[in-house]
């Protein structure tokens, strides 16, 4: 009688999390995303914890959310998870300005971005 479930957007051994409206440029966020791509999740969490980048804390929260989604929603084993993909997208840009000399106006763009992290369970190699 109720509505049918939506089909899964990822494979059976995957889960993902998305964080929007991060107050940084996509270029800077992609540097942090490249830091964790392809690594085991415990190593990626350690790298983000000790990273000096300001946005690393927000990326860590997103990764922890993806791990929790994998464990609670999809019954995946946390010890066998890797960061399969981490991609960055543009979001809104706040336009601000500042008066300049001779009647001109200096544009100040304040970009926002978003990150999506996909974790995948891999089989242990004996």
PDB file of N, CA and C in Angstrom:
ATOM      1  N   UNK A   1       0.823  -1.192   0.000  1.00  0.00           N
ATOM      2  CA  UNK A   1       0.000   0.000   0.000  1.00  0.00           C
ATOM      3  C   UNK A   1       0.868   1.258   0.000  1.00  0.00           C
ATOM      4  N   UNK A   2       2.029   1.170   0.671  1.00  0.00           N
ATOM      5  CA  UNK A   2       2.915   2.327   0.754  1.00  0.00           C
ATOM      6  C   UNK A   2       3.725   2.500  -0.517  1.00  0.00           C
ATOM      7  N   UNK A   3       4.577   3.488  -0.471  1.00  0.00           N
ATOM      8  CA  UNK A   3       5.435   3.792  -1.602  1.00  0.00           C
ATOM      9  C   UNK A   3       6.560   2.773  -1.702  1.00  0.00           C
ATOM     10  N   UNK A   4       6.998   2.473  -2.921  1.00  0.00           N
ATOM     11  CA  UNK A   4       8.126   1.568  -3.104  1.00  0.00           C
ATOM     12  C   UNK A   4       9.421   2.269  -2.721  1.00  0.00           C
ATOM     13  N   UNK A   5      10.409   1.469  -2.299  1.00  0.00           N
ATOM     14  CA  UNK A   5      11.709   2.030  -1.969  1.00  0.00           C
ATOM     15  C   UNK A   5      12.377   2.561  -3.222  1.00  0.00           C
ATOM     16  N   UNK A   6      13.146   3.638  -3.042  1.00  0.00           N
ATOM     17  CA  UNK A   6      13.940   4.144  -4.154  1.00  0.00           C
ATOM     18  C   UNK A   6      15.071   3.169  -4.436  1.00  0.00           C
ATOM     19  N   UNK A   7      15.454   3.003  -5.682  1.00  0.00           N
ATOM     20  CA  UNK A   7      16.609   2.137  -5.969  1.00  0.00           C
ATOM     21  C   UNK A   7      17.877   2.772  -5.401  1.00  0.00           C
ATOM     22  N   UNK A   8      18.831   1.932  -5.008  1.00  0.00           N
ATOM     23  CA  UNK A   8      20.079   2.438  -4.447  1.00  0.00           C
ATOM     24  C   UNK A   8      20.885   3.151  -5.516  1.00  0.00           C
ATOM     25  N   UNK A   9      21.501   4.256  -5.138  1.00  0.00           N
ATOM     26  CA  UNK A   9      22.296   5.038  -6.078  1.00  0.00           C
ATOM     27  C   UNK A   9      23.726   4.534  -6.187  1.00  0.00           C
ATOM     28  N   UNK A  10      24.107   3.648  -5.269  1.00  0.00           N
ATOM     29  CA  UNK A  10      25.454   3.088  -5.286  1.00  0.00           C
ATOM     30  C   UNK A  10      25.347   1.572  -5.206  1.00  0.00           C
ATOM     31  N   UNK A  11      26.462   0.888  -5.379  1.00  0.00           N
ATOM     32  CA  UNK A  11      26.471  -0.580  -5.364  1.00  0.00           C
ATOM     33  C   UNK A  11      26.167  -1.102  -3.956  1.00  0.00           C
ATOM     34  N   UNK A  12      25.999  -2.411  -3.862  1.00  0.00           N
ATOM     35  CA  UNK A  12      25.646  -3.036  -2.585  1.00  0.00           C
ATOM     36  C   UNK A  12      26.759  -2.932  -1.547  1.00  0.00           C
ATOM     37  N   UNK A  13      28.003  -2.821  -2.003  1.00  0.00           N
ATOM     38  CA  UNK A  13      29.115  -2.752  -1.055  1.00  0.00           C
ATOM     39  C   UNK A  13      29.634  -1.323  -0.881  1.00  0.00           C
ATOM     40  N   UNK A  14      28.794  -0.318  -1.168  1.00  0.00           N
ATOM     41  CA  UNK A  14      29.210   1.078  -1.084  1.00  0.00           C
ATOM     42  C   UNK A  14      28.210   1.900  -0.278  1.00  0.00           C
ATOM     43  N   UNK A  15      28.683   3.020   0.231  1.00  0.00           N
ATOM     44  CA  UNK A  15      27.844   4.013   0.894  1.00  0.00           C
ATOM     45  C   UNK A  15      28.509   5.371   0.673  1.00  0.00           C
ATOM     46  N   UNK A  16      27.716   6.438   0.772  1.00  0.00           N
ATOM     47  CA  UNK A  16      28.315   7.756   0.568  1.00  0.00           C
ATOM     48  C   UNK A  16      27.673   8.790   1.482  1.00  0.00           C
ATOM     49  N   UNK A  17      28.332   9.917   1.587  1.00  0.00           N
ATOM     50  CA  UNK A  17      27.818  11.067   2.328  1.00  0.00           C
ATOM     51  C   UNK A  17      28.209  12.321   1.560  1.00  0.00           C
ATOM     52  N   UNK A  18      27.372  13.353   1.713  1.00  0.00           N
ATOM     53  CA  UNK A  18      27.597  14.592   0.983  1.00  0.00           C
ATOM     54  C   UNK A  18      27.471  15.760   1.945  1.00  0.00           C
ATOM     55  N   UNK A  19      28.383  16.704   1.853  1.00  0.00           N
ATOM     56  CA  UNK A  19      28.320  17.920   2.646  1.00  0.00           C
ATOM     57  C   UNK A  19      28.269  19.099   1.691  1.00  0.00           C
ATOM     58  N   UNK A  20      27.268  19.951   1.894  1.00  0.00           N
ATOM     59  CA  UNK A  20      27.098  21.111   1.027  1.00  0.00           C
ATOM     60  C   UNK A  20      27.437  22.390   1.788  1.00  0.00           C
ATOM     61  N   UNK A  21      27.599  23.453   1.061  1.00  0.00           N
ATOM     62  CA  UNK A  21      27.800  24.799   1.591  1.00  0.00           C
ATOM     63  C   UNK A  21      29.033  24.902   2.489  1.00  0.00           C
ATOM     64  N   UNK A  22      30.144  24.326   2.050  1.00  0.00           N
ATOM     65  CA  UNK A  22      31.407  24.500   2.754  1.00  0.00           C
ATOM     66  C   UNK A  22      32.021  25.817   2.308  1.00  0.00           C
ATOM     67  N   UNK A  23      32.391  26.655   3.249  1.00  0.00           N
ATOM     68  CA  UNK A  23      32.859  28.001   2.933  1.00  0.00           C
ATOM     69  C   UNK A  23      34.342  27.986   2.563  1.00  0.00           C
ATOM     70  N   UNK A  24      34.621  27.425   1.400  1.00  0.00           N
ATOM     71  CA  UNK A  24      35.961  27.415   0.836  1.00  0.00           C
ATOM     72  C   UNK A  24      35.830  27.227  -0.668  1.00  0.00           C
ATOM     73  N   UNK A  25      36.882  27.521  -1.381  1.00  0.00           N
ATOM     74  CA  UNK A  25      36.822  27.344  -2.827  1.00  0.00           C
ATOM     75  C   UNK A  25      36.977  25.869  -3.178  1.00  0.00           C
ATOM     76  N   UNK A  26      36.387  25.431  -4.291  1.00  0.00           N
ATOM     77  CA  UNK A  26      36.534  24.034  -4.693  1.00  0.00           C
ATOM     78  C   UNK A  26      37.982  23.624  -4.922  1.00  0.00           C
ATOM     79  N   UNK A  27      38.814  24.551  -5.362  1.00  0.00           N
ATOM     80  CA  UNK A  27      40.219  24.238  -5.614  1.00  0.00           C
ATOM     81  C   UNK A  27      40.938  23.873  -4.315  1.00  0.00           C
ATOM     82  N   UNK A  28      40.684  24.623  -3.254  1.00  0.00           N
ATOM     83  CA  UNK A  28      41.308  24.331  -1.967  1.00  0.00           C
ATOM     84  C   UNK A  28      40.748  23.045  -1.367  1.00  0.00           C
ATOM     85  N   UNK A  29      39.443  22.827  -1.533  1.00  0.00           N
ATOM     86  CA  UNK A  29      38.812  21.622  -0.991  1.00  0.00           C
ATOM     87  C   UNK A  29      39.309  20.379  -1.714  1.00  0.00           C
ATOM     88  N   UNK A  30      39.594  20.501  -2.998  1.00  0.00           N
ATOM     89  CA  UNK A  30      40.067  19.356  -3.773  1.00  0.00           C
ATOM     90  C   UNK A  30      41.456  18.908  -3.321  1.00  0.00           C
ATOM     91  N   UNK A  31      42.263  19.818  -2.795  1.00  0.00           N
ATOM     92  CA  UNK A  31      43.562  19.432  -2.252  1.00  0.00           C
ATOM     93  C   UNK A  31      43.396  18.481  -1.071  1.00  0.00           C
ATOM     94  N   UNK A  32      42.405  18.747  -0.222  1.00  0.00           N
ATOM     95  CA  UNK A  32      42.155  17.885   0.938  1.00  0.00           C
ATOM     96  C   UNK A  32      41.516  16.573   0.489  1.00  0.00           C
ATOM     97  N   UNK A  33      40.635  16.636  -0.507  1.00  0.00           N
ATOM     98  CA  UNK A  33      39.993  15.418  -1.005  1.00  0.00           C
ATOM     99  C   UNK A  33      41.031  14.491  -1.632  1.00  0.00           C
ATOM    100  N   UNK A  34      42.014  15.052  -2.312  1.00  0.00           N
ATOM    101  CA  UNK A  34      43.060  14.238  -2.926  1.00  0.00           C
ATOM    102  C   UNK A  34      43.924  13.552  -1.878  1.00  0.00           C
ATOM    103  N   UNK A  35      43.962  14.129  -0.686  1.00  0.00           N
ATOM    104  CA  UNK A  35      44.742  13.564   0.412  1.00  0.00           C
ATOM    105  C   UNK A  35      44.198  12.214   0.870  1.00  0.00           C
ATOM    106  N   UNK A  36      42.879  11.982   0.720  1.00  0.00           N
ATOM    107  CA  UNK A  36      42.268  10.768   1.274  1.00  0.00           C
ATOM    108  C   UNK A  36      41.805   9.767   0.225  1.00  0.00           C
ATOM    109  N   UNK A  37      41.829  10.120  -1.048  1.00  0.00           N
ATOM    110  CA  UNK A  37      41.329   9.208  -2.080  1.00  0.00           C
ATOM    111  C   UNK A  37      42.107   7.901  -2.094  1.00  0.00           C
ATOM    112  N   UNK A  38      41.385   6.767  -2.090  1.00  0.00           N
ATOM    113  CA  UNK A  38      41.997   5.464  -2.221  1.00  0.00           C
ATOM    114  C   UNK A  38      42.593   4.897  -0.942  1.00  0.00           C
ATOM    115  N   UNK A  39      42.504   5.609   0.168  1.00  0.00           N
ATOM    116  CA  UNK A  39      43.098   5.128   1.408  1.00  0.00           C
ATOM    117  C   UNK A  39      42.076   4.366   2.242  1.00  0.00           C
ATOM    118  N   UNK A  40      42.569   3.557   3.180  1.00  0.00           N
ATOM    119  CA  UNK A  40      41.688   2.930   4.149  1.00  0.00           C
ATOM    120  C   UNK A  40      41.128   4.020   5.049  1.00  0.00           C
ATOM    121  N   UNK A  41      39.891   3.828   5.556  1.00  0.00           N
ATOM    122  CA  UNK A  41      39.222   4.916   6.261  1.00  0.00           C
ATOM    123  C   UNK A  41      39.936   5.309   7.559  1.00  0.00           C
ATOM    124  N   UNK A  42      40.537   4.351   8.265  1.00  0.00           N
ATOM    125  CA  UNK A  42      41.220   4.726   9.500  1.00  0.00           C
ATOM    126  C   UNK A  42      42.465   5.575   9.209  1.00  0.00           C
ATOM    127  N   UNK A  43      43.183   5.264   8.130  1.00  0.00           N
ATOM    128  CA  UNK A  43      44.339   6.064   7.726  1.00  0.00           C
ATOM    129  C   UNK A  43      43.891   7.450   7.241  1.00  0.00           C
ATOM    130  N   UNK A  44      42.763   7.500   6.517  1.00  0.00           N
ATOM    131  CA  UNK A  44      42.244   8.780   6.024  1.00  0.00           C
ATOM    132  C   UNK A  44      41.807   9.669   7.185  1.00  0.00           C
ATOM    133  N   UNK A  45      41.156   9.078   8.200  1.00  0.00           N
ATOM    134  CA  UNK A  45      40.749   9.855   9.371  1.00  0.00           C
ATOM    135  C   UNK A  45      41.966  10.406  10.112  1.00  0.00           C
ATOM    136  N   UNK A  46      43.008   9.601  10.223  1.00  0.00           N
ATOM    137  CA  UNK A  46      44.225  10.066  10.890  1.00  0.00           C
ATOM    138  C   UNK A  46      44.869  11.208  10.107  1.00  0.00           C
ATOM    139  N   UNK A  47      44.907  11.095   8.788  1.00  0.00           N
ATOM    140  CA  UNK A  47      45.487  12.161   7.962  1.00  0.00           C
ATOM    141  C   UNK A  47      44.702  13.461   8.097  1.00  0.00           C
ATOM    142  N   UNK A  48      43.374  13.359   8.131  1.00  0.00           N
ATOM    143  CA  UNK A  48      42.552  14.562   8.258  1.00  0.00           C
ATOM    144  C   UNK A  48      42.673  15.172   9.652  1.00  0.00           C
ATOM    145  N   UNK A  49      42.834  14.334  10.666  1.00  0.00           N
ATOM    146  CA  UNK A  49      42.958  14.842  12.031  1.00  0.00           C
ATOM    147  C   UNK A  49      44.196  15.713  12.180  1.00  0.00           C
ATOM    148  N   UNK A  50      45.304  15.303  11.554  1.00  0.00           N
ATOM    149  CA  UNK A  50      46.554  16.024  11.724  1.00  0.00           C
ATOM    150  C   UNK A  50      46.897  16.943  10.561  1.00  0.00           C
ATOM    151  N   UNK A  51      45.942  17.177   9.676  1.00  0.00           N
ATOM    152  CA  UNK A  51      46.169  18.094   8.565  1.00  0.00           C
ATOM    153  C   UNK A  51      46.079  19.535   9.063  1.00  0.00           C
ATOM    154  N   UNK A  52      46.884  20.410   8.488  1.00  0.00           N
ATOM    155  CA  UNK A  52      46.867  21.817   8.875  1.00  0.00           C
ATOM    156  C   UNK A  52      45.859  22.635   8.070  1.00  0.00           C
ATOM    157  N   UNK A  53      45.192  22.016   7.113  1.00  0.00           N
ATOM    158  CA  UNK A  53      44.210  22.746   6.301  1.00  0.00           C
ATOM    159  C   UNK A  53      42.967  23.039   7.140  1.00  0.00           C
ATOM    160  N   UNK A  54      42.408  24.237   6.985  1.00  0.00           N
ATOM    161  CA  UNK A  54      41.253  24.645   7.780  1.00  0.00           C
ATOM    162  C   UNK A  54      40.029  23.778   7.487  1.00  0.00           C
ATOM    163  N   UNK A  55      39.836  23.396   6.233  1.00  0.00           N
ATOM    164  CA  UNK A  55      38.629  22.680   5.838  1.00  0.00           C
ATOM    165  C   UNK A  55      38.719  21.177   6.145  1.00  0.00           C
ATOM    166  N   UNK A  56      39.863  20.710   6.630  1.00  0.00           N
ATOM    167  CA  UNK A  56      40.045  19.282   6.900  1.00  0.00           C
ATOM    168  C   UNK A  56      39.062  18.771   7.953  1.00  0.00           C
ATOM    169  N   UNK A  57      38.689  19.604   8.909  1.00  0.00           N
ATOM    170  CA  UNK A  57      37.710  19.204   9.928  1.00  0.00           C
ATOM    171  C   UNK A  57      36.350  18.916   9.331  1.00  0.00           C
ATOM    172  N   UNK A  58      35.924  19.741   8.364  1.00  0.00           N
ATOM    173  CA  UNK A  58      34.632  19.516   7.708  1.00  0.00           C
ATOM    174  C   UNK A  58      34.663  18.259   6.843  1.00  0.00           C
ATOM    175  N   UNK A  59      35.786  18.008   6.185  1.00  0.00           N
ATOM    176  CA  UNK A  59      35.922  16.799   5.377  1.00  0.00           C
ATOM    177  C   UNK A  59      35.922  15.567   6.280  1.00  0.00           C
ATOM    178  N   UNK A  60      36.524  15.680   7.443  1.00  0.00           N
ATOM    179  CA  UNK A  60      36.540  14.573   8.401  1.00  0.00           C
ATOM    180  C   UNK A  60      35.126  14.242   8.866  1.00  0.00           C
ATOM    181  N   UNK A  61      34.319  15.277   9.123  1.00  0.00           N
ATOM    182  CA  UNK A  61      32.922  15.042   9.521  1.00  0.00           C
ATOM    183  C   UNK A  61      32.153  14.317   8.423  1.00  0.00           C
ATOM    184  N   UNK A  62      32.394  14.699   7.178  1.00  0.00           N
ATOM    185  CA  UNK A  62      31.724  14.052   6.048  1.00  0.00           C
ATOM    186  C   UNK A  62      32.160  12.594   5.930  1.00  0.00           C
ATOM    187  N   UNK A  63      33.440  12.329   6.109  1.00  0.00           N
ATOM    188  CA  UNK A  63      33.942  10.954   6.043  1.00  0.00           C
ATOM    189  C   UNK A  63      33.363  10.108   7.170  1.00  0.00           C
ATOM    190  N   UNK A  64      33.278  10.678   8.374  1.00  0.00           N
ATOM    191  CA  UNK A  64      32.680   9.949   9.492  1.00  0.00           C
ATOM    192  C   UNK A  64      31.208   9.656   9.226  1.00  0.00           C
ATOM    193  N   UNK A  65      30.516  10.569   8.566  1.00  0.00           N
ATOM    194  CA  UNK A  65      29.121  10.346   8.202  1.00  0.00           C
ATOM    195  C   UNK A  65      28.985   9.222   7.184  1.00  0.00           C
ATOM    196  N   UNK A  66      29.892   9.174   6.211  1.00  0.00           N
ATOM    197  CA  UNK A  66      29.874   8.097   5.216  1.00  0.00           C
ATOM    198  C   UNK A  66      30.143   6.748   5.874  1.00  0.00           C
ATOM    199  N   UNK A  67      31.064   6.718   6.845  1.00  0.00           N
ATOM    200  CA  UNK A  67      31.357   5.481   7.564  1.00  0.00           C
ATOM    201  C   UNK A  67      30.142   5.033   8.366  1.00  0.00           C
ATOM    202  N   UNK A  68      29.475   5.982   9.031  1.00  0.00           N
ATOM    203  CA  UNK A  68      28.284   5.652   9.810  1.00  0.00           C
ATOM    204  C   UNK A  68      27.153   5.169   8.910  1.00  0.00           C
ATOM    205  N   UNK A  69      27.008   5.767   7.731  1.00  0.00           N
ATOM    206  CA  UNK A  69      25.990   5.308   6.780  1.00  0.00           C
ATOM    207  C   UNK A  69      26.281   3.876   6.342  1.00  0.00           C
ATOM    208  N   UNK A  70      27.552   3.573   6.095  1.00  0.00           N
ATOM    209  CA  UNK A  70      27.932   2.228   5.665  1.00  0.00           C
ATOM    210  C   UNK A  70      27.625   1.206   6.754  1.00  0.00           C
ATOM    211  N   UNK A  71      27.908   1.575   7.993  1.00  0.00           N
ATOM    212  CA  UNK A  71      27.723   0.641   9.107  1.00  0.00           C
ATOM    213  C   UNK A  71      26.246   0.467   9.457  1.00  0.00           C
ATOM    214  N   UNK A  72      25.530   1.565   9.604  1.00  0.00           N
ATOM    215  CA  UNK A  72      24.160   1.501  10.119  1.00  0.00           C
ATOM    216  C   UNK A  72      23.112   1.241   9.052  1.00  0.00           C
ATOM    217  N   UNK A  73      23.282   1.834   7.878  1.00  0.00           N
ATOM    218  CA  UNK A  73      22.250   1.707   6.856  1.00  0.00           C
ATOM    219  C   UNK A  73      22.478   0.537   5.912  1.00  0.00           C
ATOM    220  N   UNK A  74      23.749   0.144   5.702  1.00  0.00           N
ATOM    221  CA  UNK A  74      24.048  -0.868   4.695  1.00  0.00           C
ATOM    222  C   UNK A  74      24.770  -2.089   5.245  1.00  0.00           C
ATOM    223  N   UNK A  75      24.957  -2.155   6.583  1.00  0.00           N
ATOM    224  CA  UNK A  75      25.552  -3.314   7.252  1.00  0.00           C
ATOM    225  C   UNK A  75      26.906  -3.710   6.669  1.00  0.00           C
ATOM    226  N   UNK A  76      27.755  -2.735   6.421  1.00  0.00           N
ATOM    227  CA  UNK A  76      29.093  -3.012   5.907  1.00  0.00           C
ATOM    228  C   UNK A  76      30.084  -3.042   7.073  1.00  0.00           C
ATOM    229  N   UNK A  77      31.168  -3.779   6.905  1.00  0.00           N
ATOM    230  CA  UNK A  77      32.187  -3.904   7.936  1.00  0.00           C
ATOM    231  C   UNK A  77      33.125  -2.698   7.881  1.00  0.00           C
ATOM    232  N   UNK A  78      33.217  -1.961   8.982  1.00  0.00           N
ATOM    233  CA  UNK A  78      33.983  -0.724   9.018  1.00  0.00           C
ATOM    234  C   UNK A  78      35.481  -0.975   8.833  1.00  0.00           C
ATOM    235  N   UNK A  79      35.967  -2.133   9.283  1.00  0.00           N
ATOM    236  CA  UNK A  79      37.401  -2.410   9.207  1.00  0.00           C
ATOM    237  C   UNK A  79      37.877  -2.637   7.777  1.00  0.00           C
ATOM    238  N   UNK A  80      36.967  -2.945   6.853  1.00  0.00           N
ATOM    239  CA  UNK A  80      37.350  -3.233   5.467  1.00  0.00           C
ATOM    240  C   UNK A  80      36.959  -2.119   4.503  1.00  0.00           C
ATOM    241  N   UNK A  81      36.699  -0.925   5.008  1.00  0.00           N
ATOM    242  CA  UNK A  81      36.264   0.172   4.140  1.00  0.00           C
ATOM    243  C   UNK A  81      37.464   0.963   3.628  1.00  0.00           C
ATOM    244  N   UNK A  82      37.362   1.384   2.370  1.00  0.00           N
ATOM    245  CA  UNK A  82      38.316   2.322   1.792  1.00  0.00           C
ATOM    246  C   UNK A  82      37.543   3.512   1.231  1.00  0.00           C
ATOM    247  N   UNK A  83      38.227   4.627   1.057  1.00  0.00           N
ATOM    248  CA  UNK A  83      37.620   5.791   0.414  1.00  0.00           C
ATOM    249  C   UNK A  83      37.720   5.550  -1.082  1.00  0.00           C
ATOM    250  N   UNK A  84      36.623   5.101  -1.679  1.00  0.00           N
ATOM    251  CA  UNK A  84      36.637   4.759  -3.101  1.00  0.00           C
ATOM    252  C   UNK A  84      36.730   6.013  -3.963  1.00  0.00           C
ATOM    253  N   UNK A  85      35.909   7.014  -3.640  1.00  0.00           N
ATOM    254  CA  UNK A  85      35.898   8.251  -4.409  1.00  0.00           C
ATOM    255  C   UNK A  85      35.666   9.413  -3.466  1.00  0.00           C
ATOM    256  N   UNK A  86      36.203  10.554  -3.811  1.00  0.00           N
ATOM    257  CA  UNK A  86      35.929  11.801  -3.101  1.00  0.00           C
ATOM    258  C   UNK A  86      35.969  12.897  -4.151  1.00  0.00           C
ATOM    259  N   UNK A  87      34.822  13.468  -4.450  1.00  0.00           N
ATOM    260  CA  UNK A  87      34.815  14.507  -5.474  1.00  0.00           C
ATOM    261  C   UNK A  87      34.191  15.786  -4.946  1.00  0.00           C
ATOM    262  N   UNK A  88      34.573  16.878  -5.573  1.00  0.00           N
ATOM    263  CA  UNK A  88      34.260  18.219  -5.112  1.00  0.00           C
ATOM    264  C   UNK A  88      33.453  18.926  -6.183  1.00  0.00           C
ATOM    265  N   UNK A  89      32.485  19.725  -5.756  1.00  0.00           N
ATOM    266  CA  UNK A  89      31.688  20.500  -6.692  1.00  0.00           C
ATOM    267  C   UNK A  89      31.560  21.943  -6.246  1.00  0.00           C
ATOM    268  N   UNK A  90      31.207  22.794  -7.191  1.00  0.00           N
ATOM    269  CA  UNK A  90      30.982  24.196  -6.884  1.00  0.00           C
ATOM    270  C   UNK A  90      29.593  24.354  -6.281  1.00  0.00           C
ATOM    271  N   UNK A  91      29.436  25.375  -5.466  1.00  0.00           N
ATOM    272  CA  UNK A  91      28.141  25.719  -4.906  1.00  0.00           C
ATOM    273  C   UNK A  91      27.960  27.213  -5.137  1.00  0.00           C
ATOM    274  N   UNK A  92      27.239  27.857  -4.279  1.00  0.00           N
ATOM    275  CA  UNK A  92      26.932  29.268  -4.454  1.00  0.00           C
ATOM    276  C   UNK A  92      28.190  30.135  -4.306  1.00  0.00           C
ATOM    277  N   UNK A  93      28.136  31.334  -4.867  1.00  0.00           N
ATOM    278  CA  UNK A  93      29.201  32.311  -4.689  1.00  0.00           C
ATOM    279  C   UNK A  93      28.575  33.607  -4.176  1.00  0.00           C
ATOM    280  N   UNK A  94      29.025  34.053  -2.999  1.00  0.00           N
ATOM    281  CA  UNK A  94      28.565  35.343  -2.485  1.00  0.00           C
ATOM    282  C   UNK A  94      29.368  36.437  -3.162  1.00  0.00           C
ATOM    283  N   UNK A  95      28.661  37.419  -3.713  1.00  0.00           N
ATOM    284  CA  UNK A  95      29.350  38.512  -4.386  1.00  0.00           C
ATOM    285  C   UNK A  95      29.389  39.710  -3.452  1.00  0.00           C
ATOM    286  N   UNK A  96      30.583  40.147  -3.148  1.00  0.00           N
ATOM    287  CA  UNK A  96      30.787  41.316  -2.323  1.00  0.00           C
ATOM    288  C   UNK A  96      31.684  42.274  -3.093  1.00  0.00           C
ATOM    289  N   UNK A  97      31.833  43.476  -2.564  1.00  0.00           N
ATOM    290  CA  UNK A  97      32.666  44.426  -3.277  1.00  0.00           C
ATOM    291  C   UNK A  97      33.299  45.429  -2.353  1.00  0.00           C
ATOM    292  N   UNK A  98      34.190  46.209  -2.941  1.00  0.00           N
ATOM    293  CA  UNK A  98      34.916  47.207  -2.170  1.00  0.00           C
ATOM    294  C   UNK A  98      35.182  48.393  -3.097  1.00  0.00           C
ATOM    295  N   UNK A  99      34.903  49.593  -2.628  1.00  0.00           N
ATOM    296  CA  UNK A  99      35.201  50.761  -3.454  1.00  0.00           C
ATOM    297  C   UNK A  99      36.708  50.893  -3.689  1.00  0.00           C
ATOM    298  N   UNK A 100      37.076  51.216  -4.908  1.00  0.00           N
ATOM    299  CA  UNK A 100      38.484  51.384  -5.266  1.00  0.00           C
ATOM    300  C   UNK A 100      38.708  52.824  -5.740  1.00  0.00           C
ATOM    301  N   UNK A 101      39.889  53.108  -6.145  1.00  0.00           N
ATOM    302  CA  UNK A 101      40.239  54.473  -6.544  1.00  0.00           C
ATOM    303  C   UNK A 101      39.556  54.856  -7.856  1.00  0.00           C
ATOM    304  N   UNK A 102      39.396  56.136  -8.062  1.00  0.00           N
ATOM    305  CA  UNK A 102      38.855  56.725  -9.293  1.00  0.00           C
ATOM    306  C   UNK A 102      37.476  56.180  -9.624  1.00  0.00           C
ATOM    307  N   UNK A 103      36.640  55.961  -8.613  1.00  0.00           N
ATOM    308  CA  UNK A 103      35.247  55.582  -8.835  1.00  0.00           C
ATOM    309  C   UNK A 103      35.028  54.156  -9.260  1.00  0.00           C
ATOM    310  N   UNK A 104      36.038  53.322  -9.166  1.00  0.00           N
ATOM    311  CA  UNK A 104      35.880  51.933  -9.570  1.00  0.00           C
ATOM    312  C   UNK A 104      35.403  51.105  -8.396  1.00  0.00           C
ATOM    313  N   UNK A 105      35.120  49.839  -8.707  1.00  0.00           N
ATOM    314  CA  UNK A 105      34.552  48.926  -7.715  1.00  0.00           C
ATOM    315  C   UNK A 105      35.287  47.600  -7.825  1.00  0.00           C
ATOM    316  N   UNK A 106      35.877  47.131  -6.726  1.00  0.00           N
ATOM    317  CA  UNK A 106      36.608  45.868  -6.750  1.00  0.00           C
ATOM    318  C   UNK A 106      35.708  44.715  -6.338  1.00  0.00           C
ATOM    319  N   UNK A 107      35.599  43.727  -7.216  1.00  0.00           N
ATOM    320  CA  UNK A 107      34.764  42.564  -6.915  1.00  0.00           C
ATOM    321  C   UNK A 107      35.458  41.666  -5.911  1.00  0.00           C
ATOM    322  N   UNK A 108      34.712  41.164  -4.955  1.00  0.00           N
ATOM    323  CA  UNK A 108      35.205  40.157  -4.025  1.00  0.00           C
ATOM    324  C   UNK A 108      34.249  38.972  -4.098  1.00  0.00           C
ATOM    325  N   UNK A 109      34.743  37.837  -4.564  1.00  0.00           N
ATOM    326  CA  UNK A 109      33.926  36.633  -4.690  1.00  0.00           C
ATOM    327  C   UNK A 109      34.211  35.726  -3.503  1.00  0.00           C
ATOM    328  N   UNK A 110      33.163  35.276  -2.832  1.00  0.00           N
ATOM    329  CA  UNK A 110      33.323  34.390  -1.685  1.00  0.00           C
ATOM    330  C   UNK A 110      32.668  33.051  -2.033  1.00  0.00           C
ATOM    331  N   UNK A 111      33.443  32.098  -2.536  1.00  0.00           N
ATOM    332  CA  UNK A 111      32.859  30.857  -3.044  1.00  0.00           C
ATOM    333  C   UNK A 111      32.525  29.867  -1.932  1.00  0.00           C
ATOM    334  N   UNK A 112      31.524  29.037  -2.216  1.00  0.00           N
ATOM    335  CA  UNK A 112      31.159  27.892  -1.396  1.00  0.00           C
ATOM    336  C   UNK A 112      31.331  26.649  -2.258  1.00  0.00           C
ATOM    337  N   UNK A 113      31.517  25.505  -1.625  1.00  0.00           N
ATOM    338  CA  UNK A 113      31.684  24.270  -2.383  1.00  0.00           C
ATOM    339  C   UNK A 113      31.018  23.120  -1.647  1.00  0.00           C
ATOM    340  N   UNK A 114      31.018  21.958  -2.275  1.00  0.00           N
ATOM    341  CA  UNK A 114      30.429  20.761  -1.678  1.00  0.00           C
ATOM    342  C   UNK A 114      31.342  19.572  -1.961  1.00  0.00           C
ATOM    343  N   UNK A 115      31.275  18.578  -1.075  1.00  0.00           N
ATOM    344  CA  UNK A 115      32.103  17.391  -1.230  1.00  0.00           C
ATOM    345  C   UNK A 115      31.233  16.153  -1.055  1.00  0.00           C
ATOM    346  N   UNK A 116      31.500  15.141  -1.870  1.00  0.00           N
ATOM    347  CA  UNK A 116      30.834  13.856  -1.767  1.00  0.00           C
ATOM    348  C   UNK A 116      31.910  12.796  -1.583  1.00  0.00           C
ATOM    349  N   UNK A 117      31.731  11.972  -0.555  1.00  0.00           N
ATOM    350  CA  UNK A 117      32.699  10.917  -0.255  1.00  0.00           C
ATOM    351  C   UNK A 117      31.986   9.577  -0.335  1.00  0.00           C
ATOM    352  N   UNK A 118      32.553   8.683  -1.152  1.00  0.00           N
ATOM    353  CA  UNK A 118      31.989   7.338  -1.302  1.00  0.00           C
ATOM    354  C   UNK A 118      32.973   6.339  -0.722  1.00  0.00           C
ATOM    355  N   UNK A 119      32.484   5.494   0.197  1.00  0.00           N
ATOM    356  CA  UNK A 119      33.326   4.451   0.786  1.00  0.00           C
ATOM    357  C   UNK A 119      32.872   3.101   0.248  1.00  0.00           C
ATOM    358  N   UNK A 120      33.835   2.183   0.109  1.00  0.00           N
ATOM    359  CA  UNK A 120      33.548   0.868  -0.458  1.00  0.00           C
ATOM    360  C   UNK A 120      34.174  -0.214   0.433  1.00  0.00           C
ATOM    361  N   UNK A 121      33.431  -1.301   0.615  1.00  0.00           N
ATOM    362  CA  UNK A 121      33.966  -2.426   1.385  1.00  0.00           C
ATOM    363  C   UNK A 121      34.745  -3.331   0.438  1.00  0.00           C
ATOM    364  N   UNK A 122      35.979  -3.653   0.842  1.00  0.00           N
ATOM    365  CA  UNK A 122      36.816  -4.548   0.047  1.00  0.00           C
ATOM    366  C   UNK A 122      37.071  -5.802   0.856  1.00  0.00           C
ATOM    367  N   UNK A 123      37.308  -6.891   0.145  1.00  0.00           N
ATOM    368  CA  UNK A 123      37.572  -8.154   0.813  1.00  0.00           C
ATOM    369  C   UNK A 123      39.011  -8.156   1.322  1.00  0.00           C
ATOM    370  N   UNK A 124      39.210  -8.730   2.498  1.00  0.00           N
ATOM    371  CA  UNK A 124      40.559  -8.804   3.051  1.00  0.00           C
ATOM    372  C   UNK A 124      41.402  -9.771   2.244  1.00  0.00           C
ATOM    373  N   UNK A 125      42.650  -9.358   2.002  1.00  0.00           N
ATOM    374  CA  UNK A 125      43.565 -10.241   1.276  1.00  0.00           C
ATOM    375  C   UNK A 125      44.325 -11.069   2.294  1.00  0.00           C
ATOM    376  N   UNK A 126      44.321 -12.391   2.100  1.00  0.00           N
ATOM    377  CA  UNK A 126      44.984 -13.269   3.078  1.00  0.00           C
ATOM    378  C   UNK A 126      46.449 -13.429   2.805  1.00  0.00           C
TER     379      UNK A 126
END
